[in-house]
Protein backbone atom coordinates (compact mmCIF):
# COMPACT_ATOMS: atom_id res chain seq x y z
CA UNK A 1 153.38 92.92 134.10
CA UNK A 2 152.00 94.69 137.14
CA UNK A 3 153.61 97.96 136.02
CA UNK A 4 151.88 97.84 132.62
CA UNK A 5 148.60 96.32 133.87
CA UNK A 6 149.04 93.46 131.42
CA UNK A 7 147.13 90.21 131.84
CA UNK A 8 149.03 86.95 131.45
CA UNK A 9 146.61 85.99 128.66
CA UNK A 10 147.99 88.96 126.65
CA UNK A 11 151.61 87.80 126.94
CA UNK A 12 153.50 85.48 124.61
CA UNK A 13 157.07 84.52 125.51
CA UNK A 14 159.28 83.43 122.64
CA UNK A 15 162.63 81.75 123.30
CA UNK A 16 165.21 79.66 121.54
CA UNK A 17 165.07 75.99 122.45
CA UNK A 18 168.34 75.33 124.27
CA UNK A 19 167.98 71.81 125.67
CA UNK A 20 167.91 71.60 129.47
CA UNK A 21 168.58 75.34 129.91
CA UNK A 22 165.04 76.21 128.79
CA UNK A 23 163.21 74.12 131.41
CA UNK A 24 163.17 76.74 134.18
CA UNK A 25 161.47 79.14 131.75
CA UNK A 26 158.99 76.41 130.76
CA UNK A 27 158.13 75.81 134.42
CA UNK A 28 157.67 79.50 135.22
CA UNK A 29 155.49 80.12 132.16
CA UNK A 30 153.36 77.08 133.00
CA UNK A 31 152.98 78.15 136.64
CA UNK A 32 152.00 81.71 135.66
CA UNK A 33 149.73 80.67 132.78
CA UNK A 34 151.85 82.46 130.16
CA UNK A 35 151.93 81.17 126.59
CA UNK A 36 155.38 79.98 125.50
CA UNK A 37 156.75 79.61 122.00
CA UNK A 38 160.00 77.67 121.60
CA UNK A 39 161.89 78.06 118.34
CA UNK A 40 164.91 76.41 116.77
CA UNK A 41 167.89 78.78 117.20
CA UNK A 42 169.02 78.07 113.61
CA UNK A 43 165.60 79.13 112.29
CA UNK A 44 165.80 82.46 114.14
CA UNK A 45 169.38 83.07 113.01
CA UNK A 46 168.54 82.17 109.40
CA UNK A 47 165.56 84.55 109.36
CA UNK A 48 167.62 87.53 110.53
CA UNK A 49 170.66 87.09 108.30
CA UNK A 50 174.29 87.28 109.38
CA UNK A 51 174.83 88.96 112.75
CA UNK A 52 178.19 90.14 114.10
CA UNK A 53 179.19 91.00 117.65
CA UNK A 54 176.28 89.16 119.25
CA UNK A 55 175.52 89.40 122.96
CA UNK A 56 172.52 88.63 125.15
CA UNK A 57 170.88 92.00 124.52
CA UNK A 58 171.14 91.72 120.72
CA UNK A 59 169.98 88.08 120.91
CA UNK A 60 166.89 89.13 122.88
CA UNK A 61 166.08 91.84 120.35
CA UNK A 62 166.57 89.41 117.45
CA UNK A 63 164.26 86.85 119.07
CA UNK A 64 161.63 89.52 119.79
CA UNK A 65 161.78 90.76 116.19
CA UNK A 66 161.45 87.18 114.92
CA UNK A 67 158.47 86.50 117.20
CA UNK A 68 156.71 89.69 116.09
CA UNK A 69 157.42 89.14 112.40
CA UNK A 70 156.22 85.53 112.41
CA UNK A 71 153.49 85.78 115.05
CA UNK A 72 150.95 84.35 112.61
CA UNK A 73 153.00 81.12 112.47
CA UNK A 74 153.41 80.76 116.24
CA UNK A 75 153.02 77.26 117.64
CA UNK A 76 152.72 77.28 121.41
CA UNK A 77 154.73 74.90 123.53
CA UNK A 78 152.69 72.29 125.39
CA UNK A 79 154.46 70.05 127.88
CA UNK A 80 153.79 66.34 127.87
CA UNK A 81 151.72 64.89 130.70
CA UNK A 82 153.84 64.82 133.85
CA UNK A 83 156.79 66.53 132.19
CA UNK A 84 156.20 69.81 134.01
CA UNK A 85 156.11 68.13 137.42
CA UNK A 86 159.33 66.24 136.72
CA UNK A 87 161.24 69.34 135.64
CA UNK A 88 159.73 71.52 138.36
CA UNK A 89 160.93 69.06 140.99
CA UNK A 90 164.43 68.98 139.46
CA UNK A 91 164.47 72.79 139.23
CA UNK A 92 163.52 73.18 142.90
CA UNK A 93 166.37 70.85 143.91
CA UNK A 94 168.87 73.04 142.05
CA UNK A 95 170.29 76.18 143.61
CA UNK A 96 170.56 79.09 141.21
CA UNK A 97 172.52 82.27 141.83
CA UNK A 98 171.30 85.48 140.18
CA UNK A 99 174.02 87.88 139.19
CA UNK A 100 172.99 91.38 138.32
C-alpha cells in the first residue's frame, strides 16, 4: 500500500471463508483497519462457472473478479466481541514458516 499511496480506508480484502485458516487474515485486517469481506467458497465457485486446472493464482483472480463484480452486495466481516483477542493470542503462540 505504501508503493501505491493507498489509504487503508480505500482497501477491501475479499477472501473465501476457510474455517480456522482465515483467522490470521482476520487478525491482520483488524489490526491494520482494513475492511474484510468473507464469502462462501461455493458461492464464488458457482458465480464463476466450471473452472479447470485451478491453482492459487487462478483462485486469487477468481475471488478478485467476484469481489469486483458483486461489490454492491458486499457485507463486511465484523468479529464478535473478544473474538479478535482470542484468535490473535492463539495466532501469536503459533509459529508460521513463510516459503517463497
